[in-house]
Amino acid sequence: MLPCLVQVEQELKRAIEQLIEKRTGRKFYIQNFGSSHGGCIHQSGVCSDGRQQYFIKLNTADCIEQFEAEADGLLGLSEAKAIRVPRVIGHGVAGEQAFLVMEALDISGQAPKDGWKMMGQQLAMMHRHVGGGYGWHRSNFIGSTTQTNQSHVTWADFFVQERVKPQFELAEKNGHYFERVEVLVERAEEILNGHEPESSLLHGDLWSGNAAFTQEGEPVIYDPAVYRGDRECDIAFSEFFGGFSPEFYQAYNEVFPMDAEYPKRRDLYNLYHVLNHANLFGGGYIHQAQMIMDEIAG
């Protein structure tokens, strides 16, 4: 059971204070600890000593690997120096709770003038950080689902072996039945056969809930599932839940034009996320995944 953020256990409170003190070099005593909106997996809030604020994620101690992976992904994105991500202070375990501490960004609900244009430009610059092969140096998480990132020589092998097949295997364990799985896998291999994109640095879970703007108008992305792969995967998922502003896509294409064949791969890339939602939440996502599979398989 997670603690109420306004009644944080003293052991956890002191562990967070000590981590902040160690990483910032100055004393920090929590005076306020309030809940924050957002997220369906972890509990989140903001702590303050009256001068400085930090964003905190909390979950049970066995979730520390998720926080380690998130911190690693944010660091990877920040090293590209293309688009802003929250700065990670650190993570740890205190008693029965795991925690992740980041800078607290003052997020605005509204995009400023030219905000979406700037975000498109900056994401394109991030995607231009290429090399190192397909995959990542560690597994991480897509939501709370383990996302494996073992390296593969071809993009088709990577996407089928590290994205599509693990979701079907998890679905079987969860008791979800999908028709024509083998046909879908064969069709995925056909669609991606010969398509060898540059291995771009990807956010990995880019939708409107993981992108925003600071009060100063600066684009920011967060909650990543980072790996190196086809940049079209980020763009495809950005379109899925209503999409970003048209200015975003126009600006992106001006910096890093999309391949004319991208629409042929978009549904396949988004199937990965819909399957993951089916495994996490069930319900209508199971039917939606089957519909996409049927369209792809033909």
C-alpha atoms as a PDB file:
ATOM      1  CA  MET A   1       0.000   0.000   0.000  1.00  0.00           C
ATOM      2  CA  LEU A   2       1.401   3.395  -1.000  1.00  0.00           C
ATOM      3  CA  PRO A   3       1.435   6.178   1.585  1.00  0.00           C
ATOM      4  CA  CYS A   4      -0.788   9.217   1.225  1.00  0.00           C
ATOM      5  CA  LEU A   5       1.533  11.935  -0.033  1.00  0.00           C
ATOM      6  CA  VAL A   6       0.430  14.361   2.664  1.00  0.00           C
ATOM      7  CA  GLN A   7       1.362  11.785   5.318  1.00  0.00           C
ATOM      8  CA  VAL A   8       4.663  10.455   4.000  1.00  0.00           C
ATOM      9  CA  GLU A   9       6.417   8.081   6.380  1.00  0.00           C
ATOM     10  CA  GLN A  10       9.411   9.585   8.156  1.00  0.00           C
ATOM     11  CA  GLU A  11      11.801   6.941   6.789  1.00  0.00           C
ATOM     12  CA  LEU A  12      10.794   7.748   3.225  1.00  0.00           C
ATOM     13  CA  LYS A  13      10.819  11.479   3.869  1.00  0.00           C
ATOM     14  CA  ARG A  14      14.337  11.398   5.270  1.00  0.00           C
ATOM     15  CA  ALA A  15      15.601   9.191   2.428  1.00  0.00           C
ATOM     16  CA  ILE A  16      14.305  11.709  -0.123  1.00  0.00           C
ATOM     17  CA  GLU A  17      15.839  14.615   1.809  1.00  0.00           C
ATOM     18  CA  GLN A  18      19.213  12.863   2.024  1.00  0.00           C
ATOM     19  CA  LEU A  19      19.204  12.040  -1.684  1.00  0.00           C
ATOM     20  CA  ILE A  20      18.455  15.643  -2.620  1.00  0.00           C
ATOM     21  CA  GLU A  21      21.124  16.908  -0.226  1.00  0.00           C
ATOM     22  CA  LYS A  22      23.688  14.498  -1.673  1.00  0.00           C
ATOM     23  CA  ARG A  23      22.946  15.405  -5.288  1.00  0.00           C
ATOM     24  CA  THR A  24      22.554  19.174  -4.825  1.00  0.00           C
ATOM     25  CA  GLY A  25      25.093  19.840  -2.111  1.00  0.00           C
ATOM     26  CA  ARG A  26      22.728  21.782   0.118  1.00  0.00           C
ATOM     27  CA  LYS A  27      20.450  20.980   3.039  1.00  0.00           C
ATOM     28  CA  PHE A  28      16.862  20.143   2.200  1.00  0.00           C
ATOM     29  CA  TYR A  29      14.067  19.640   4.728  1.00  0.00           C
ATOM     30  CA  ILE A  30      10.626  18.764   3.370  1.00  0.00           C
ATOM     31  CA  GLN A  31       7.999  21.207   4.590  1.00  0.00           C
ATOM     32  CA  ASN A  32       5.260  20.374   2.084  1.00  0.00           C
ATOM     33  CA  PHE A  33       4.469  17.160   0.233  1.00  0.00           C
ATOM     34  CA  GLY A  34       1.403  17.366  -2.004  1.00  0.00           C
ATOM     35  CA  SER A  35      -0.224  15.110  -4.563  1.00  0.00           C
ATOM     36  CA  SER A  36       0.098  15.772  -8.278  1.00  0.00           C
ATOM     37  CA  HIS A  37      -2.108  14.870 -11.255  1.00  0.00           C
ATOM     38  CA  GLY A  38      -1.084  12.398 -13.919  1.00  0.00           C
ATOM     39  CA  GLY A  39      -0.044   8.780 -14.233  1.00  0.00           C
ATOM     40  CA  CYS A  40      -1.991   5.557 -13.770  1.00  0.00           C
ATOM     41  CA  ILE A  41       0.931   3.392 -12.622  1.00  0.00           C
ATOM     42  CA  HIS A  42       2.807   5.397 -10.004  1.00  0.00           C
ATOM     43  CA  GLN A  43       1.741   7.861  -7.358  1.00  0.00           C
ATOM     44  CA  SER A  44       3.252  11.301  -7.867  1.00  0.00           C
ATOM     45  CA  GLY A  45       3.602  14.545  -5.989  1.00  0.00           C
ATOM     46  CA  VAL A  46       5.729  17.604  -5.340  1.00  0.00           C
ATOM     47  CA  CYS A  47       7.825  18.196  -2.245  1.00  0.00           C
ATOM     48  CA  SER A  48       9.193  21.570  -1.164  1.00  0.00           C
ATOM     49  CA  ASP A  49      11.377  23.085   1.527  1.00  0.00           C
ATOM     50  CA  GLY A  50       9.754  26.467   0.979  1.00  0.00           C
ATOM     51  CA  ARG A  51      12.311  27.535  -1.603  1.00  0.00           C
ATOM     52  CA  GLN A  52      12.939  24.634  -3.984  1.00  0.00           C
ATOM     53  CA  GLN A  53      10.467  22.064  -5.334  1.00  0.00           C
ATOM     54  CA  TYR A  54      11.044  18.541  -6.627  1.00  0.00           C
ATOM     55  CA  PHE A  55       8.747  16.134  -8.442  1.00  0.00           C
ATOM     56  CA  ILE A  56       8.465  12.729  -6.759  1.00  0.00           C
ATOM     57  CA  LYS A  57       7.217   9.390  -8.055  1.00  0.00           C
ATOM     58  CA  LEU A  58       6.367   6.654  -5.559  1.00  0.00           C
ATOM     59  CA  ASN A  59       5.524   2.994  -5.789  1.00  0.00           C
ATOM     60  CA  THR A  60       6.185  -0.224  -3.914  1.00  0.00           C
ATOM     61  CA  ALA A  61       9.816  -1.245  -3.423  1.00  0.00           C
ATOM     62  CA  ASP A  62       9.659  -3.929  -6.107  1.00  0.00           C
ATOM     63  CA  CYS A  63       9.084  -1.181  -8.697  1.00  0.00           C
ATOM     64  CA  ILE A  64      12.556   0.323  -8.243  1.00  0.00           C
ATOM     65  CA  GLU A  65      13.677  -1.174 -11.572  1.00  0.00           C
ATOM     66  CA  GLN A  66      11.008   0.881 -13.332  1.00  0.00           C
ATOM     67  CA  PHE A  67      12.392   4.054 -11.771  1.00  0.00           C
ATOM     68  CA  GLU A  68      15.960   3.060 -12.640  1.00  0.00           C
ATOM     69  CA  ALA A  69      14.906   2.525 -16.257  1.00  0.00           C
ATOM     70  CA  GLU A  70      13.041   5.832 -16.401  1.00  0.00           C
ATOM     71  CA  ALA A  71      16.036   7.702 -14.991  1.00  0.00           C
ATOM     72  CA  ASP A  72      18.302   5.990 -17.519  1.00  0.00           C
ATOM     73  CA  GLY A  73      15.980   6.910 -20.381  1.00  0.00           C
ATOM     74  CA  LEU A  74      15.716  10.547 -19.345  1.00  0.00           C
ATOM     75  CA  LEU A  75      19.487  10.748 -19.119  1.00  0.00           C
ATOM     76  CA  GLY A  76      19.792   9.267 -22.602  1.00  0.00           C
ATOM     77  CA  LEU A  77      17.373  11.821 -24.040  1.00  0.00           C
ATOM     78  CA  SER A  78      19.032  14.709 -22.218  1.00  0.00           C
ATOM     79  CA  GLU A  79      22.422  13.839 -23.680  1.00  0.00           C
ATOM     80  CA  ALA A  80      21.064  14.582 -27.152  1.00  0.00           C
ATOM     81  CA  LYS A  81      20.603  18.233 -26.079  1.00  0.00           C
ATOM     82  CA  ALA A  82      17.746  18.549 -28.551  1.00  0.00           C
ATOM     83  CA  ILE A  83      14.559  18.819 -26.480  1.00  0.00           C
ATOM     84  CA  ARG A  84      14.036  19.365 -22.779  1.00  0.00           C
ATOM     85  CA  VAL A  85      13.336  16.480 -20.418  1.00  0.00           C
ATOM     86  CA  PRO A  86      13.044  16.602 -16.617  1.00  0.00           C
ATOM     87  CA  ARG A  87      16.423  16.502 -14.893  1.00  0.00           C
ATOM     88  CA  VAL A  88      16.786  13.420 -12.735  1.00  0.00           C
ATOM     89  CA  ILE A  89      17.997  13.925  -9.172  1.00  0.00           C
ATOM     90  CA  GLY A  90      18.039  10.247  -8.233  1.00  0.00           C
ATOM     91  CA  HIS A  91      16.086   7.246  -7.036  1.00  0.00           C
ATOM     92  CA  GLY A  92      16.102   4.816  -4.145  1.00  0.00           C
ATOM     93  CA  VAL A  93      14.194   2.588  -1.749  1.00  0.00           C
ATOM     94  CA  ALA A  94      13.077   3.387   1.789  1.00  0.00           C
ATOM     95  CA  GLY A  95      11.275   0.656   3.665  1.00  0.00           C
ATOM     96  CA  GLU A  96       8.493  -0.627   1.447  1.00  0.00           C
ATOM     97  CA  GLN A  97       8.567   2.313  -0.976  1.00  0.00           C
ATOM     98  CA  ALA A  98      10.626   3.022  -4.080  1.00  0.00           C
ATOM     99  CA  PHE A  99      10.989   6.641  -5.168  1.00  0.00           C
ATOM    100  CA  LEU A 100      12.240   8.723  -8.074  1.00  0.00           C
ATOM    101  CA  VAL A 101      13.161  12.390  -7.646  1.00  0.00           C
ATOM    102  CA  MET A 102      13.216  14.835 -10.567  1.00  0.00           C
ATOM    103  CA  GLU A 103      13.125  18.548 -11.080  1.00  0.00           C
ATOM    104  CA  ALA A 104       9.617  19.966 -10.790  1.00  0.00           C
ATOM    105  CA  LEU A 105       8.663  21.647 -14.055  1.00  0.00           C
ATOM    106  CA  ASP A 106       5.919  24.243 -14.127  1.00  0.00           C
ATOM    107  CA  ILE A 107       3.858  22.702 -16.927  1.00  0.00           C
ATOM    108  CA  SER A 108       1.325  24.749 -18.841  1.00  0.00           C
ATOM    109  CA  GLY A 109      -1.845  23.246 -20.239  1.00  0.00           C
ATOM    110  CA  GLN A 110      -1.662  25.470 -23.308  1.00  0.00           C
ATOM    111  CA  ALA A 111       0.885  25.513 -26.109  1.00  0.00           C
ATOM    112  CA  PRO A 112       2.330  28.984 -26.679  1.00  0.00           C
ATOM    113  CA  LYS A 113       2.520  30.590 -30.088  1.00  0.00           C
ATOM    114  CA  ASP A 114       4.901  28.518 -32.227  1.00  0.00           C
ATOM    115  CA  GLY A 115       5.135  25.978 -29.376  1.00  0.00           C
ATOM    116  CA  TRP A 116       4.144  22.987 -31.492  1.00  0.00           C
ATOM    117  CA  LYS A 117       6.415  24.181 -34.262  1.00  0.00           C
ATOM    118  CA  MET A 118       9.311  24.297 -31.823  1.00  0.00           C
ATOM    119  CA  MET A 119       8.490  20.844 -30.468  1.00  0.00           C
ATOM    120  CA  GLY A 120       8.427  19.390 -33.997  1.00  0.00           C
ATOM    121  CA  GLN A 121      11.779  20.945 -34.801  1.00  0.00           C
ATOM    122  CA  GLN A 122      13.357  19.760 -31.565  1.00  0.00           C
ATOM    123  CA  LEU A 123      12.042  16.212 -31.843  1.00  0.00           C
ATOM    124  CA  ALA A 124      13.419  16.029 -35.376  1.00  0.00           C
ATOM    125  CA  MET A 125      16.811  17.118 -34.064  1.00  0.00           C
ATOM    126  CA  MET A 126      16.622  14.433 -31.368  1.00  0.00           C
ATOM    127  CA  HIS A 127      15.832  11.826 -34.023  1.00  0.00           C
ATOM    128  CA  ARG A 128      18.904  12.936 -35.952  1.00  0.00           C
ATOM    129  CA  HIS A 129      21.003  11.468 -33.153  1.00  0.00           C
ATOM    130  CA  VAL A 130      21.582   8.156 -34.886  1.00  0.00           C
ATOM    131  CA  GLY A 131      23.917   5.191 -34.602  1.00  0.00           C
ATOM    132  CA  GLY A 132      24.669   2.339 -32.270  1.00  0.00           C
ATOM    133  CA  GLY A 133      22.319  -0.191 -33.850  1.00  0.00           C
ATOM    134  CA  TYR A 134      18.733  -1.059 -33.035  1.00  0.00           C
ATOM    135  CA  GLY A 135      17.929  -1.498 -29.348  1.00  0.00           C
ATOM    136  CA  TRP A 136      19.223  -0.101 -26.069  1.00  0.00           C
ATOM    137  CA  HIS A 137      21.836  -1.071 -23.501  1.00  0.00           C
ATOM    138  CA  ARG A 138      19.162  -2.339 -21.113  1.00  0.00           C
ATOM    139  CA  SER A 139      15.561  -3.455 -20.983  1.00  0.00           C
ATOM    140  CA  ASN A 140      13.088  -0.857 -19.751  1.00  0.00           C
ATOM    141  CA  PHE A 141       9.327  -0.476 -19.512  1.00  0.00           C
ATOM    142  CA  ILE A 142       6.392   0.538 -21.686  1.00  0.00           C
ATOM    143  CA  GLY A 143       3.906   1.458 -18.991  1.00  0.00           C
ATOM    144  CA  SER A 144       4.544  -1.300 -16.441  1.00  0.00           C
ATOM    145  CA  THR A 145       5.282  -3.902 -19.128  1.00  0.00           C
ATOM    146  CA  THR A 146       8.887  -4.967 -19.578  1.00  0.00           C
ATOM    147  CA  GLN A 147      10.240  -3.747 -22.914  1.00  0.00           C
ATOM    148  CA  THR A 148      13.181  -5.808 -24.128  1.00  0.00           C
ATOM    149  CA  ASN A 149      15.799  -4.057 -26.255  1.00  0.00           C
ATOM    150  CA  GLN A 150      18.260  -6.705 -27.380  1.00  0.00           C
ATOM    151  CA  SER A 151      20.239  -5.684 -30.443  1.00  0.00           C
ATOM    152  CA  HIS A 152      19.356  -7.132 -33.871  1.00  0.00           C
ATOM    153  CA  VAL A 153      21.078  -6.755 -37.213  1.00  0.00           C
ATOM    154  CA  THR A 154      17.913  -5.868 -39.146  1.00  0.00           C
ATOM    155  CA  TRP A 155      15.063  -3.593 -38.158  1.00  0.00           C
ATOM    156  CA  ALA A 156      12.492  -6.226 -39.125  1.00  0.00           C
ATOM    157  CA  ASP A 157      14.060  -8.725 -36.721  1.00  0.00           C
ATOM    158  CA  PHE A 158      14.208  -6.153 -33.938  1.00  0.00           C
ATOM    159  CA  PHE A 159      10.605  -5.051 -34.252  1.00  0.00           C
ATOM    160  CA  VAL A 160       9.196  -8.555 -34.584  1.00  0.00           C
ATOM    161  CA  GLN A 161      11.349 -10.179 -31.891  1.00  0.00           C
ATOM    162  CA  GLU A 162      11.509  -7.335 -29.353  1.00  0.00           C
ATOM    163  CA  ARG A 163       8.144  -5.667 -29.871  1.00  0.00           C
ATOM    164  CA  VAL A 164       5.448  -7.760 -31.559  1.00  0.00           C
ATOM    165  CA  LYS A 165       6.143 -11.302 -30.326  1.00  0.00           C
ATOM    166  CA  PRO A 166       6.632 -10.407 -26.623  1.00  0.00           C
ATOM    167  CA  GLN A 167       3.216  -8.736 -26.585  1.00  0.00           C
ATOM    168  CA  PHE A 168       1.530 -11.806 -28.054  1.00  0.00           C
ATOM    169  CA  GLU A 169       3.333 -14.033 -25.551  1.00  0.00           C
ATOM    170  CA  LEU A 170       2.163 -11.804 -22.709  1.00  0.00           C
ATOM    171  CA  ALA A 171      -1.386 -11.807 -24.097  1.00  0.00           C
ATOM    172  CA  GLU A 172      -1.415 -15.606 -24.023  1.00  0.00           C
ATOM    173  CA  LYS A 173      -0.280 -15.560 -20.384  1.00  0.00           C
ATOM    174  CA  ASN A 174      -3.025 -13.050 -19.608  1.00  0.00           C
ATOM    175  CA  GLY A 175      -5.653 -15.257 -21.224  1.00  0.00           C
ATOM    176  CA  HIS A 176      -6.278 -12.944 -24.192  1.00  0.00           C
ATOM    177  CA  TYR A 177      -6.921 -14.757 -27.447  1.00  0.00           C
ATOM    178  CA  PHE A 178      -6.069 -13.173 -30.789  1.00  0.00           C
ATOM    179  CA  GLU A 179      -6.843 -14.707 -34.162  1.00  0.00           C
ATOM    180  CA  ARG A 180      -4.302 -15.119 -36.993  1.00  0.00           C
ATOM    181  CA  VAL A 181      -1.254 -14.239 -34.898  1.00  0.00           C
ATOM    182  CA  GLU A 182       1.105 -16.208 -37.147  1.00  0.00           C
ATOM    183  CA  VAL A 183      -0.293 -14.472 -40.221  1.00  0.00           C
ATOM    184  CA  LEU A 184       0.213 -11.087 -38.567  1.00  0.00           C
ATOM    185  CA  VAL A 185       3.830 -11.899 -37.686  1.00  0.00           C
ATOM    186  CA  GLU A 186       4.543 -13.019 -41.253  1.00  0.00           C
ATOM    187  CA  ARG A 187       2.898  -9.879 -42.604  1.00  0.00           C
ATOM    188  CA  ALA A 188       4.950  -7.708 -40.240  1.00  0.00           C
ATOM    189  CA  GLU A 189       8.138  -9.301 -41.542  1.00  0.00           C
ATOM    190  CA  GLU A 190       6.984  -8.656 -45.123  1.00  0.00           C
ATOM    191  CA  ILE A 191       6.140  -5.006 -44.433  1.00  0.00           C
ATOM    192  CA  LEU A 192       9.499  -4.323 -42.806  1.00  0.00           C
ATOM    193  CA  ASN A 193      11.639  -6.509 -45.054  1.00  0.00           C
ATOM    194  CA  GLY A 194      14.295  -4.338 -46.656  1.00  0.00           C
ATOM    195  CA  HIS A 195      13.378  -1.317 -44.575  1.00  0.00           C
ATOM    196  CA  GLU A 196      16.586  -0.436 -42.749  1.00  0.00           C
ATOM    197  CA  PRO A 197      16.140   3.033 -41.211  1.00  0.00           C
ATOM    198  CA  GLU A 198      18.860   4.828 -39.322  1.00  0.00           C
ATOM    199  CA  SER A 199      18.776   3.937 -35.639  1.00  0.00           C
ATOM    200  CA  SER A 200      17.382   7.166 -34.204  1.00  0.00           C
ATOM    201  CA  LEU A 201      17.203   8.004 -30.531  1.00  0.00           C
ATOM    202  CA  LEU A 202      13.515   7.480 -29.682  1.00  0.00           C
ATOM    203  CA  HIS A 203      11.289   8.573 -26.827  1.00  0.00           C
ATOM    204  CA  GLY A 204       9.442   5.288 -27.270  1.00  0.00           C
ATOM    205  CA  ASP A 205       6.074   6.282 -25.768  1.00  0.00           C
ATOM    206  CA  LEU A 206       5.368   9.596 -27.441  1.00  0.00           C
ATOM    207  CA  TRP A 207       1.732  10.636 -27.089  1.00  0.00           C
ATOM    208  CA  SER A 208       0.032  13.829 -25.936  1.00  0.00           C
ATOM    209  CA  GLY A 209       0.092  12.720 -22.291  1.00  0.00           C
ATOM    210  CA  ASN A 210       3.893  12.612 -22.334  1.00  0.00           C
ATOM    211  CA  ALA A 211       4.527  15.969 -24.000  1.00  0.00           C
ATOM    212  CA  ALA A 212       3.811  19.486 -22.791  1.00  0.00           C
ATOM    213  CA  PHE A 213       5.182  22.997 -22.462  1.00  0.00           C
ATOM    214  CA  THR A 214       6.660  24.857 -19.532  1.00  0.00           C
ATOM    215  CA  GLN A 215       5.146  28.151 -18.413  1.00  0.00           C
ATOM    216  CA  GLU A 216       8.003  29.807 -20.314  1.00  0.00           C
ATOM    217  CA  GLY A 217       6.841  28.090 -23.512  1.00  0.00           C
ATOM    218  CA  GLU A 218       9.603  25.508 -23.777  1.00  0.00           C
ATOM    219  CA  PRO A 219       8.617  22.068 -25.150  1.00  0.00           C
ATOM    220  CA  VAL A 220       9.243  19.162 -22.776  1.00  0.00           C
ATOM    221  CA  ILE A 221       8.806  15.391 -23.066  1.00  0.00           C
ATOM    222  CA  TYR A 222       8.812  12.855 -20.223  1.00  0.00           C
ATOM    223  CA  ASP A 223       7.871   9.280 -19.157  1.00  0.00           C
ATOM    224  CA  PRO A 224      10.009   7.702 -21.897  1.00  0.00           C
ATOM    225  CA  ALA A 225      10.565   4.107 -23.005  1.00  0.00           C
ATOM    226  CA  VAL A 226      13.837   4.897 -24.764  1.00  0.00           C
ATOM    227  CA  TYR A 227      15.579   2.863 -27.448  1.00  0.00           C
ATOM    228  CA  ARG A 228      17.192   3.316 -30.848  1.00  0.00           C
ATOM    229  CA  GLY A 229      15.097   2.415 -33.842  1.00  0.00           C
ATOM    230  CA  ASP A 230      12.895   3.735 -36.628  1.00  0.00           C
ATOM    231  CA  ARG A 231      11.883   7.324 -35.862  1.00  0.00           C
ATOM    232  CA  GLU A 232       8.557   6.566 -37.520  1.00  0.00           C
ATOM    233  CA  CYS A 233       7.591   4.683 -34.327  1.00  0.00           C
ATOM    234  CA  ASP A 234       7.562   7.959 -32.367  1.00  0.00           C
ATOM    235  CA  ILE A 235       5.677   9.813 -35.069  1.00  0.00           C
ATOM    236  CA  ALA A 236       3.142   6.994 -35.478  1.00  0.00           C
ATOM    237  CA  PHE A 237       2.199   6.919 -31.791  1.00  0.00           C
ATOM    238  CA  SER A 238       2.100  10.717 -31.623  1.00  0.00           C
ATOM    239  CA  GLU A 239      -0.767  10.480 -34.144  1.00  0.00           C
ATOM    240  CA  PHE A 240      -2.702   7.779 -32.318  1.00  0.00           C
ATOM    241  CA  PHE A 241      -4.640   9.474 -29.499  1.00  0.00           C
ATOM    242  CA  GLY A 242      -5.883  12.425 -31.523  1.00  0.00           C
ATOM    243  CA  GLY A 243      -2.443  13.503 -32.661  1.00  0.00           C
ATOM    244  CA  PHE A 244      -0.373  16.599 -32.075  1.00  0.00           C
ATOM    245  CA  SER A 245      -0.978  19.946 -33.763  1.00  0.00           C
ATOM    246  CA  PRO A 246      -0.544  20.081 -37.566  1.00  0.00           C
ATOM    247  CA  GLU A 247       2.201  22.652 -36.962  1.00  0.00           C
ATOM    248  CA  PHE A 248       4.185  19.963 -35.158  1.00  0.00           C
ATOM    249  CA  TYR A 249       4.242  17.623 -38.165  1.00  0.00           C
ATOM    250  CA  GLN A 250       4.918  20.403 -40.648  1.00  0.00           C
ATOM    251  CA  ALA A 251       7.883  21.654 -38.642  1.00  0.00           C
ATOM    252  CA  TYR A 252       9.187  18.133 -38.126  1.00  0.00           C
ATOM    253  CA  ASN A 253       9.113  17.408 -41.846  1.00  0.00           C
ATOM    254  CA  GLU A 254      10.913  20.630 -42.649  1.00  0.00           C
ATOM    255  CA  VAL A 255      13.826  19.526 -40.461  1.00  0.00           C
ATOM    256  CA  PHE A 256      13.739  15.766 -41.080  1.00  0.00           C
ATOM    257  CA  PRO A 257      11.356  14.795 -43.928  1.00  0.00           C
ATOM    258  CA  MET A 258       9.383  11.592 -43.467  1.00  0.00           C
ATOM    259  CA  ASP A 259       9.688   8.695 -45.920  1.00  0.00           C
ATOM    260  CA  ALA A 260       6.847   8.496 -48.440  1.00  0.00           C
ATOM    261  CA  GLU A 261       6.272   4.847 -47.440  1.00  0.00           C
ATOM    262  CA  TYR A 262       5.676   5.708 -43.775  1.00  0.00           C
ATOM    263  CA  PRO A 263       1.853   5.282 -43.920  1.00  0.00           C
ATOM    264  CA  LYS A 264       2.329   1.619 -44.858  1.00  0.00           C
ATOM    265  CA  ARG A 265       4.131   1.007 -41.565  1.00  0.00           C
ATOM    266  CA  ARG A 266       2.180   3.294 -39.225  1.00  0.00           C
ATOM    267  CA  ASP A 267      -0.541   0.831 -38.163  1.00  0.00           C
ATOM    268  CA  LEU A 268       1.996  -1.915 -37.511  1.00  0.00           C
ATOM    269  CA  TYR A 269       4.031   0.347 -35.269  1.00  0.00           C
ATOM    270  CA  ASN A 270       0.942   1.442 -33.348  1.00  0.00           C
ATOM    271  CA  LEU A 271      -0.237  -2.153 -32.979  1.00  0.00           C
ATOM    272  CA  TYR A 272       2.585  -2.616 -30.477  1.00  0.00           C
ATOM    273  CA  HIS A 273       1.096   0.049 -28.212  1.00  0.00           C
ATOM    274  CA  VAL A 274      -2.481  -1.163 -28.610  1.00  0.00           C
ATOM    275  CA  LEU A 275      -1.412  -4.705 -27.727  1.00  0.00           C
ATOM    276  CA  ASN A 276       0.365  -3.330 -24.687  1.00  0.00           C
ATOM    277  CA  HIS A 277      -2.771  -1.441 -23.647  1.00  0.00           C
ATOM    278  CA  ALA A 278      -4.743  -4.663 -24.109  1.00  0.00           C
ATOM    279  CA  ASN A 279      -2.316  -6.475 -21.836  1.00  0.00           C
ATOM    280  CA  LEU A 280      -2.362  -3.712 -19.244  1.00  0.00           C
ATOM    281  CA  PHE A 281      -6.015  -2.727 -19.253  1.00  0.00           C
ATOM    282  CA  GLY A 282      -7.960  -5.315 -21.262  1.00  0.00           C
ATOM    283  CA  GLY A 283     -11.416  -4.127 -22.258  1.00  0.00           C
ATOM    284  CA  GLY A 284     -11.913  -2.483 -25.623  1.00  0.00           C
ATOM    285  CA  TYR A 285      -8.197  -2.498 -26.389  1.00  0.00           C
ATOM    286  CA  ILE A 286      -8.407  -6.253 -27.058  1.00  0.00           C
ATOM    287  CA  HIS A 287     -11.011  -5.711 -29.776  1.00  0.00           C
ATOM    288  CA  GLN A 288      -9.127  -2.716 -31.137  1.00  0.00           C
ATOM    289  CA  ALA A 289      -5.921  -4.726 -31.393  1.00  0.00           C
ATOM    290  CA  GLN A 290      -7.697  -7.513 -33.285  1.00  0.00           C
ATOM    291  CA  MET A 291      -9.190  -4.995 -35.708  1.00  0.00           C
ATOM    292  CA  ILE A 292      -5.772  -3.529 -36.464  1.00  0.00           C
ATOM    293  CA  MET A 293      -4.324  -7.019 -36.859  1.00  0.00           C
ATOM    294  CA  ASP A 294      -7.055  -7.929 -39.350  1.00  0.00           C
ATOM    295  CA  GLU A 295      -6.409  -4.787 -41.393  1.00  0.00           C
ATOM    296  CA  ILE A 296      -2.675  -5.444 -41.485  1.00  0.00           C
ATOM    297  CA  ALA A 297      -2.982  -9.168 -42.223  1.00  0.00           C
ATOM    298  CA  GLY A 298      -5.505  -8.540 -44.983  1.00  0.00           C
END
